[in-house]
Amino acid sequence: MPSTEIEVKHHPKHLWQKITTVIANLCFACAVMGVIITLIYIDDVTEVYKAAMGSITFISFAIGMVLKSMADTSIPNLKPDKD
């Protein structure tokens, strides 16, 4: 019995996806640095600075997650075949 599934060809990653991967990795690195800096200065700063450092760390991680998912998406070729 023949298979009814259509094989979808996925192109290699586009340039913008490669750039997005680099930016996502930089965001993850910033999030890690934010955690380290927060842990180093946890006793030396006020609650306001701790909250600011925590929010910057969270935003960096969240942006990295969004950009990484955009970069890892497999985009199929949706152009119709030329006969």
PDB file of N, CA and C in Angstrom:
ATOM      1  N   MET A   1       0.843  -1.171   0.000  1.00  0.00           N
ATOM      2  CA  MET A   1       0.000   0.000   0.000  1.00  0.00           C
ATOM      3  C   MET A   1       0.895   1.244   0.000  1.00  0.00           C
ATOM      4  N   PRO A   2       0.719   2.153  -0.949  1.00  0.00           N
ATOM      5  CA  PRO A   2       1.590   3.329  -1.016  1.00  0.00           C
ATOM      6  C   PRO A   2       1.321   4.289   0.139  1.00  0.00           C
ATOM      7  N   SER A   3       2.376   4.962   0.512  1.00  0.00           N
ATOM      8  CA  SER A   3       2.275   5.928   1.603  1.00  0.00           C
ATOM      9  C   SER A   3       1.622   7.214   1.102  1.00  0.00           C
ATOM     10  N   THR A   4       0.750   7.783   1.913  1.00  0.00           N
ATOM     11  CA  THR A   4       0.071   9.022   1.519  1.00  0.00           C
ATOM     12  C   THR A   4       0.773  10.256   2.071  1.00  0.00           C
ATOM     13  N   GLU A   5       1.879  10.048   2.783  1.00  0.00           N
ATOM     14  CA  GLU A   5       2.605  11.183   3.335  1.00  0.00           C
ATOM     15  C   GLU A   5       3.420  11.855   2.245  1.00  0.00           C
ATOM     16  N   ILE A   6       3.427  13.158   2.269  1.00  0.00           N
ATOM     17  CA  ILE A   6       4.210  13.937   1.315  1.00  0.00           C
ATOM     18  C   ILE A   6       5.538  14.284   1.965  1.00  0.00           C
ATOM     19  N   GLU A   7       6.617  14.015   1.249  1.00  0.00           N
ATOM     20  CA  GLU A   7       7.936  14.341   1.774  1.00  0.00           C
ATOM     21  C   GLU A   7       8.203  15.827   1.546  1.00  0.00           C
ATOM     22  N   VAL A   8       8.488  16.511   2.618  1.00  0.00           N
ATOM     23  CA  VAL A   8       8.735  17.951   2.549  1.00  0.00           C
ATOM     24  C   VAL A   8      10.238  18.172   2.564  1.00  0.00           C
ATOM     25  N   LYS A   9      10.720  18.922   1.583  1.00  0.00           N
ATOM     26  CA  LYS A   9      12.143  19.244   1.533  1.00  0.00           C
ATOM     27  C   LYS A   9      12.390  20.512   2.336  1.00  0.00           C
ATOM     28  N   HIS A  10      13.336  20.434   3.248  1.00  0.00           N
ATOM     29  CA  HIS A  10      13.701  21.591   4.048  1.00  0.00           C
ATOM     30  C   HIS A  10      15.033  22.137   3.554  1.00  0.00           C
ATOM     31  N   HIS A  11      15.046  23.415   3.325  1.00  0.00           N
ATOM     32  CA  HIS A  11      16.269  24.061   2.875  1.00  0.00           C
ATOM     33  C   HIS A  11      17.233  24.215   4.043  1.00  0.00           C
ATOM     34  N   PRO A  12      18.498  24.439   3.725  1.00  0.00           N
ATOM     35  CA  PRO A  12      19.438  24.730   4.809  1.00  0.00           C
ATOM     36  C   PRO A  12      19.036  26.030   5.516  1.00  0.00           C
ATOM     37  N   LYS A  13      19.617  26.247   6.661  1.00  0.00           N
ATOM     38  CA  LYS A  13      19.296  27.437   7.438  1.00  0.00           C
ATOM     39  C   LYS A  13      19.597  28.700   6.631  1.00  0.00           C
ATOM     40  N   HIS A  14      18.682  29.650   6.736  1.00  0.00           N
ATOM     41  CA  HIS A  14      18.876  30.931   6.070  1.00  0.00           C
ATOM     42  C   HIS A  14      19.877  31.764   6.853  1.00  0.00           C
ATOM     43  N   LEU A  15      20.376  32.807   6.227  1.00  0.00           N
ATOM     44  CA  LEU A  15      21.363  33.678   6.867  1.00  0.00           C
ATOM     45  C   LEU A  15      20.803  34.278   8.146  1.00  0.00           C
ATOM     46  N   TRP A  16      19.546  34.733   8.108  1.00  0.00           N
ATOM     47  CA  TRP A  16      18.974  35.354   9.303  1.00  0.00           C
ATOM     48  C   TRP A  16      18.824  34.356  10.435  1.00  0.00           C
ATOM     49  N   GLN A  17      18.639  33.066  10.117  1.00  0.00           N
ATOM     50  CA  GLN A  17      18.562  32.054  11.172  1.00  0.00           C
ATOM     51  C   GLN A  17      19.934  31.827  11.809  1.00  0.00           C
ATOM     52  N   LYS A  18      20.981  31.889  11.011  1.00  0.00           N
ATOM     53  CA  LYS A  18      22.328  31.745  11.557  1.00  0.00           C
ATOM     54  C   LYS A  18      22.679  32.932  12.451  1.00  0.00           C
ATOM     55  N   ILE A  19      22.299  34.122  12.021  1.00  0.00           N
ATOM     56  CA  ILE A  19      22.544  35.320  12.822  1.00  0.00           C
ATOM     57  C   ILE A  19      21.741  35.258  14.118  1.00  0.00           C
ATOM     58  N   THR A  20      20.501  34.792  14.020  1.00  0.00           N
ATOM     59  CA  THR A  20      19.650  34.670  15.202  1.00  0.00           C
ATOM     60  C   THR A  20      20.231  33.666  16.196  1.00  0.00           C
ATOM     61  N   THR A  21      20.847  32.601  15.716  1.00  0.00           N
ATOM     62  CA  THR A  21      21.490  31.628  16.599  1.00  0.00           C
ATOM     63  C   THR A  21      22.616  32.279  17.388  1.00  0.00           C
ATOM     64  N   VAL A  22      23.420  33.093  16.720  1.00  0.00           N
ATOM     65  CA  VAL A  22      24.527  33.779  17.399  1.00  0.00           C
ATOM     66  C   VAL A  22      23.995  34.734  18.463  1.00  0.00           C
ATOM     67  N   ILE A  23      22.966  35.501  18.120  1.00  0.00           N
ATOM     68  CA  ILE A  23      22.403  36.452  19.076  1.00  0.00           C
ATOM     69  C   ILE A  23      21.770  35.703  20.257  1.00  0.00           C
ATOM     70  N   ALA A  24      21.109  34.574  19.997  1.00  0.00           N
ATOM     71  CA  ALA A  24      20.515  33.777  21.080  1.00  0.00           C
ATOM     72  C   ALA A  24      21.589  33.272  22.029  1.00  0.00           C
ATOM     73  N   ASN A  25      22.694  32.807  21.481  1.00  0.00           N
ATOM     74  CA  ASN A  25      23.784  32.326  22.333  1.00  0.00           C
ATOM     75  C   ASN A  25      24.380  33.462  23.160  1.00  0.00           C
ATOM     76  N   LEU A  26      24.453  34.657  22.582  1.00  0.00           N
ATOM     77  CA  LEU A  26      24.928  35.818  23.341  1.00  0.00           C
ATOM     78  C   LEU A  26      23.957  36.167  24.470  1.00  0.00           C
ATOM     79  N   CYS A  27      22.671  36.048  24.222  1.00  0.00           N
ATOM     80  CA  CYS A  27      21.669  36.296  25.270  1.00  0.00           C
ATOM     81  C   CYS A  27      21.800  35.288  26.397  1.00  0.00           C
ATOM     82  N   PHE A  28      22.030  34.016  26.064  1.00  0.00           N
ATOM     83  CA  PHE A  28      22.221  33.004  27.101  1.00  0.00           C
ATOM     84  C   PHE A  28      23.488  33.296  27.912  1.00  0.00           C
ATOM     85  N   ALA A  29      24.548  33.745  27.231  1.00  0.00           N
ATOM     86  CA  ALA A  29      25.782  34.097  27.934  1.00  0.00           C
ATOM     87  C   ALA A  29      25.548  35.278  28.879  1.00  0.00           C
ATOM     88  N   CYS A  30      24.771  36.263  28.427  1.00  0.00           N
ATOM     89  CA  CYS A  30      24.445  37.403  29.291  1.00  0.00           C
ATOM     90  C   CYS A  30      23.623  36.961  30.496  1.00  0.00           C
ATOM     91  N   ALA A  31      22.722  36.014  30.302  1.00  0.00           N
ATOM     92  CA  ALA A  31      21.923  35.505  31.415  1.00  0.00           C
ATOM     93  C   ALA A  31      22.808  34.790  32.436  1.00  0.00           C
ATOM     94  N   VAL A  32      23.754  34.014  31.960  1.00  0.00           N
ATOM     95  CA  VAL A  32      24.678  33.317  32.874  1.00  0.00           C
ATOM     96  C   VAL A  32      25.529  34.333  33.623  1.00  0.00           C
ATOM     97  N   MET A  33      26.024  35.341  32.924  1.00  0.00           N
ATOM     98  CA  MET A  33      26.810  36.383  33.592  1.00  0.00           C
ATOM     99  C   MET A  33      25.962  37.131  34.613  1.00  0.00           C
ATOM    100  N   GLY A  34      24.685  37.338  34.290  1.00  0.00           N
ATOM    101  CA  GLY A  34      23.788  37.999  35.231  1.00  0.00           C
ATOM    102  C   GLY A  34      23.606  37.202  36.502  1.00  0.00           C
ATOM    103  N   VAL A  35      23.475  35.890  36.382  1.00  0.00           N
ATOM    104  CA  VAL A  35      23.350  35.034  37.567  1.00  0.00           C
ATOM    105  C   VAL A  35      24.623  35.105  38.400  1.00  0.00           C
ATOM    106  N   ILE A  36      25.760  35.027  37.740  1.00  0.00           N
ATOM    107  CA  ILE A  36      27.042  35.059  38.458  1.00  0.00           C
ATOM    108  C   ILE A  36      27.227  36.397  39.173  1.00  0.00           C
ATOM    109  N   ILE A  37      26.948  37.490  38.480  1.00  0.00           N
ATOM    110  CA  ILE A  37      27.100  38.811  39.095  1.00  0.00           C
ATOM    111  C   ILE A  37      26.130  38.990  40.252  1.00  0.00           C
ATOM    112  N   THR A  38      24.912  38.506  40.082  1.00  0.00           N
ATOM    113  CA  THR A  38      23.935  38.596  41.170  1.00  0.00           C
ATOM    114  C   THR A  38      24.401  37.809  42.389  1.00  0.00           C
ATOM    115  N   LEU A  39      24.941  36.625  42.180  1.00  0.00           N
ATOM    116  CA  LEU A  39      25.428  35.827  43.303  1.00  0.00           C
ATOM    117  C   LEU A  39      26.651  36.454  43.970  1.00  0.00           C
ATOM    118  N   ILE A  40      27.504  37.100  43.186  1.00  0.00           N
ATOM    119  CA  ILE A  40      28.698  37.737  43.760  1.00  0.00           C
ATOM    120  C   ILE A  40      28.310  38.927  44.632  1.00  0.00           C
ATOM    121  N   TYR A  41      27.395  39.762  44.141  1.00  0.00           N
ATOM    122  CA  TYR A  41      27.048  40.996  44.839  1.00  0.00           C
ATOM    123  C   TYR A  41      25.761  40.899  45.652  1.00  0.00           C
ATOM    124  N   ILE A  42      25.324  39.709  45.999  1.00  0.00           N
ATOM    125  CA  ILE A  42      24.029  39.544  46.672  1.00  0.00           C
ATOM    126  C   ILE A  42      23.989  40.217  48.042  1.00  0.00           C
ATOM    127  N   ASP A  43      25.102  40.270  48.741  1.00  0.00           N
ATOM    128  CA  ASP A  43      25.117  40.883  50.073  1.00  0.00           C
ATOM    129  C   ASP A  43      25.517  42.354  50.056  1.00  0.00           C
ATOM    130  N   ASP A  44      26.046  42.841  48.932  1.00  0.00           N
ATOM    131  CA  ASP A  44      26.589  44.197  48.884  1.00  0.00           C
ATOM    132  C   ASP A  44      25.620  45.234  48.331  1.00  0.00           C
ATOM    133  N   VAL A  45      24.495  44.821  47.786  1.00  0.00           N
ATOM    134  CA  VAL A  45      23.595  45.775  47.139  1.00  0.00           C
ATOM    135  C   VAL A  45      22.222  45.747  47.809  1.00  0.00           C
ATOM    136  N   THR A  46      21.432  46.780  47.519  1.00  0.00           N
ATOM    137  CA  THR A  46      20.088  46.851  48.089  1.00  0.00           C
ATOM    138  C   THR A  46      19.131  45.957  47.301  1.00  0.00           C
ATOM    139  N   GLU A  47      17.927  45.838  47.823  1.00  0.00           N
ATOM    140  CA  GLU A  47      16.905  44.996  47.188  1.00  0.00           C
ATOM    141  C   GLU A  47      16.550  45.482  45.788  1.00  0.00           C
ATOM    142  N   VAL A  48      16.610  46.786  45.577  1.00  0.00           N
ATOM    143  CA  VAL A  48      16.273  47.349  44.267  1.00  0.00           C
ATOM    144  C   VAL A  48      17.266  46.873  43.218  1.00  0.00           C
ATOM    145  N   TYR A  49      18.540  46.877  43.554  1.00  0.00           N
ATOM    146  CA  TYR A  49      19.550  46.426  42.605  1.00  0.00           C
ATOM    147  C   TYR A  49      19.454  44.920  42.362  1.00  0.00           C
ATOM    148  N   LYS A  50      19.122  44.168  43.412  1.00  0.00           N
ATOM    149  CA  LYS A  50      18.942  42.722  43.231  1.00  0.00           C
ATOM    150  C   LYS A  50      17.780  42.439  42.285  1.00  0.00           C
ATOM    151  N   ALA A  51      16.698  43.190  42.450  1.00  0.00           N
ATOM    152  CA  ALA A  51      15.542  43.009  41.569  1.00  0.00           C
ATOM    153  C   ALA A  51      15.883  43.385  40.138  1.00  0.00           C
ATOM    154  N   ALA A  52      16.636  44.457  39.960  1.00  0.00           N
ATOM    155  CA  ALA A  52      17.018  44.883  38.615  1.00  0.00           C
ATOM    156  C   ALA A  52      17.926  43.849  37.949  1.00  0.00           C
ATOM    157  N   MET A  53      18.890  43.337  38.700  1.00  0.00           N
ATOM    158  CA  MET A  53      19.783  42.322  38.129  1.00  0.00           C
ATOM    159  C   MET A  53      19.020  41.039  37.801  1.00  0.00           C
ATOM    160  N   GLY A  54      18.078  40.665  38.650  1.00  0.00           N
ATOM    161  CA  GLY A  54      17.276  39.478  38.383  1.00  0.00           C
ATOM    162  C   GLY A  54      16.394  39.646  37.164  1.00  0.00           C
ATOM    163  N   SER A  55      15.817  40.832  37.007  1.00  0.00           N
ATOM    164  CA  SER A  55      14.941  41.048  35.850  1.00  0.00           C
ATOM    165  C   SER A  55      15.744  41.080  34.548  1.00  0.00           C
ATOM    166  N   ILE A  56      16.923  41.668  34.574  1.00  0.00           N
ATOM    167  CA  ILE A  56      17.767  41.675  33.373  1.00  0.00           C
ATOM    168  C   ILE A  56      18.177  40.254  33.010  1.00  0.00           C
ATOM    169  N   THR A  57      18.497  39.452  34.019  1.00  0.00           N
ATOM    170  CA  THR A  57      18.857  38.055  33.777  1.00  0.00           C
ATOM    171  C   THR A  57      17.685  37.292  33.169  1.00  0.00           C
ATOM    172  N   PHE A  58      16.492  37.495  33.729  1.00  0.00           N
ATOM    173  CA  PHE A  58      15.312  36.811  33.212  1.00  0.00           C
ATOM    174  C   PHE A  58      15.000  37.230  31.775  1.00  0.00           C
ATOM    175  N   ILE A  59      15.054  38.526  31.490  1.00  0.00           N
ATOM    176  CA  ILE A  59      14.766  39.018  30.138  1.00  0.00           C
ATOM    177  C   ILE A  59      15.787  38.476  29.141  1.00  0.00           C
ATOM    178  N   SER A  60      17.057  38.446  29.524  1.00  0.00           N
ATOM    179  CA  SER A  60      18.088  37.906  28.625  1.00  0.00           C
ATOM    180  C   SER A  60      17.818  36.444  28.306  1.00  0.00           C
ATOM    181  N   PHE A  61      17.451  35.675  29.331  1.00  0.00           N
ATOM    182  CA  PHE A  61      17.153  34.255  29.110  1.00  0.00           C
ATOM    183  C   PHE A  61      15.913  34.088  28.231  1.00  0.00           C
ATOM    184  N   ALA A  62      14.868  34.875  28.492  1.00  0.00           N
ATOM    185  CA  ALA A  62      13.634  34.756  27.708  1.00  0.00           C
ATOM    186  C   ALA A  62      13.865  35.127  26.248  1.00  0.00           C
ATOM    187  N   ILE A  63      14.622  36.184  26.011  1.00  0.00           N
ATOM    188  CA  ILE A  63      14.933  36.576  24.631  1.00  0.00           C
ATOM    189  C   ILE A  63      15.749  35.488  23.949  1.00  0.00           C
ATOM    190  N   GLY A  64      16.692  34.901  24.675  1.00  0.00           N
ATOM    191  CA  GLY A  64      17.481  33.804  24.118  1.00  0.00           C
ATOM    192  C   GLY A  64      16.623  32.618  23.738  1.00  0.00           C
ATOM    193  N   MET A  65      15.628  32.287  24.564  1.00  0.00           N
ATOM    194  CA  MET A  65      14.724  31.166  24.251  1.00  0.00           C
ATOM    195  C   MET A  65      13.913  31.437  22.986  1.00  0.00           C
ATOM    196  N   VAL A  66      13.391  32.640  22.868  1.00  0.00           N
ATOM    197  CA  VAL A  66      12.588  32.987  21.688  1.00  0.00           C
ATOM    198  C   VAL A  66      13.447  32.960  20.431  1.00  0.00           C
ATOM    199  N   LEU A  67      14.612  33.575  20.502  1.00  0.00           N
ATOM    200  CA  LEU A  67      15.484  33.610  19.325  1.00  0.00           C
ATOM    201  C   LEU A  67      15.992  32.219  18.958  1.00  0.00           C
ATOM    202  N   LYS A  68      16.274  31.388  19.949  1.00  0.00           N
ATOM    203  CA  LYS A  68      16.734  30.026  19.664  1.00  0.00           C
ATOM    204  C   LYS A  68      15.643  29.213  18.981  1.00  0.00           C
ATOM    205  N   SER A  69      14.390  29.390  19.416  1.00  0.00           N
ATOM    206  CA  SER A  69      13.305  28.659  18.759  1.00  0.00           C
ATOM    207  C   SER A  69      13.086  29.154  17.337  1.00  0.00           C
ATOM    208  N   MET A  70      13.275  30.445  17.111  1.00  0.00           N
ATOM    209  CA  MET A  70      13.168  30.963  15.740  1.00  0.00           C
ATOM    210  C   MET A  70      14.292  30.422  14.862  1.00  0.00           C
ATOM    211  N   ALA A  71      15.484  30.330  15.414  1.00  0.00           N
ATOM    212  CA  ALA A  71      16.633  29.870  14.633  1.00  0.00           C
ATOM    213  C   ALA A  71      16.565  28.379  14.331  1.00  0.00           C
ATOM    214  N   ASP A  72      15.954  27.600  15.227  1.00  0.00           N
ATOM    215  CA  ASP A  72      15.900  26.145  15.033  1.00  0.00           C
ATOM    216  C   ASP A  72      14.699  25.681  14.224  1.00  0.00           C
ATOM    217  N   THR A  73      13.823  26.582  13.841  1.00  0.00           N
ATOM    218  CA  THR A  73      12.643  26.209  13.081  1.00  0.00           C
ATOM    219  C   THR A  73      13.048  25.764  11.679  1.00  0.00           C
ATOM    220  N   SER A  74      12.504  24.652  11.256  1.00  0.00           N
ATOM    221  CA  SER A  74      12.772  24.148   9.917  1.00  0.00           C
ATOM    222  C   SER A  74      11.732  24.722   8.966  1.00  0.00           C
ATOM    223  N   ILE A  75      12.183  25.536   8.057  1.00  0.00           N
ATOM    224  CA  ILE A  75      11.281  26.222   7.144  1.00  0.00           C
ATOM    225  C   ILE A  75      11.249  25.460   5.819  1.00  0.00           C
ATOM    226  N   PRO A  76      10.099  24.898   5.452  1.00  0.00           N
ATOM    227  CA  PRO A  76      10.030  24.133   4.196  1.00  0.00           C
ATOM    228  C   PRO A  76       9.926  25.066   2.989  1.00  0.00           C
ATOM    229  N   ASN A  77      10.219  24.497   1.846  1.00  0.00           N
ATOM    230  CA  ASN A  77      10.049  25.221   0.591  1.00  0.00           C
ATOM    231  C   ASN A  77       8.583  25.101   0.185  1.00  0.00           C
ATOM    232  N   LEU A  78       7.872  26.199   0.162  1.00  0.00           N
ATOM    233  CA  LEU A  78       6.446  26.172  -0.149  1.00  0.00           C
ATOM    234  C   LEU A  78       6.138  26.569  -1.587  1.00  0.00           C
ATOM    235  N   LYS A  79       7.157  26.723  -2.393  1.00  0.00           N
ATOM    236  CA  LYS A  79       6.932  27.047  -3.799  1.00  0.00           C
ATOM    237  C   LYS A  79       6.425  25.813  -4.542  1.00  0.00           C
ATOM    238  N   PRO A  80       5.444  25.984  -5.407  1.00  0.00           N
ATOM    239  CA  PRO A  80       4.956  24.820  -6.161  1.00  0.00           C
ATOM    240  C   PRO A  80       6.012  24.334  -7.152  1.00  0.00           C
ATOM    241  N   ASP A  81       5.971  23.035  -7.421  1.00  0.00           N
ATOM    242  CA  ASP A  81       6.889  22.464  -8.394  1.00  0.00           C
ATOM    243  C   ASP A  81       6.582  22.947  -9.788  1.00  0.00           C
ATOM    244  N   LYS A  82       7.642  23.221 -10.568  1.00  0.00           N
ATOM    245  CA  LYS A  82       7.451  23.616 -11.965  1.00  0.00           C
ATOM    246  C   LYS A  82       7.351  22.358 -12.806  1.00  0.00           C
ATOM    247  N   ASP A  83       6.311  22.282 -13.595  1.00  0.00           N
ATOM    248  CA  ASP A  83       6.123  21.109 -14.455  1.00  0.00           C
ATOM    249  C   ASP A  83       6.715  21.309 -15.807  1.00  0.00           C
TER     250      ASP A  83
END
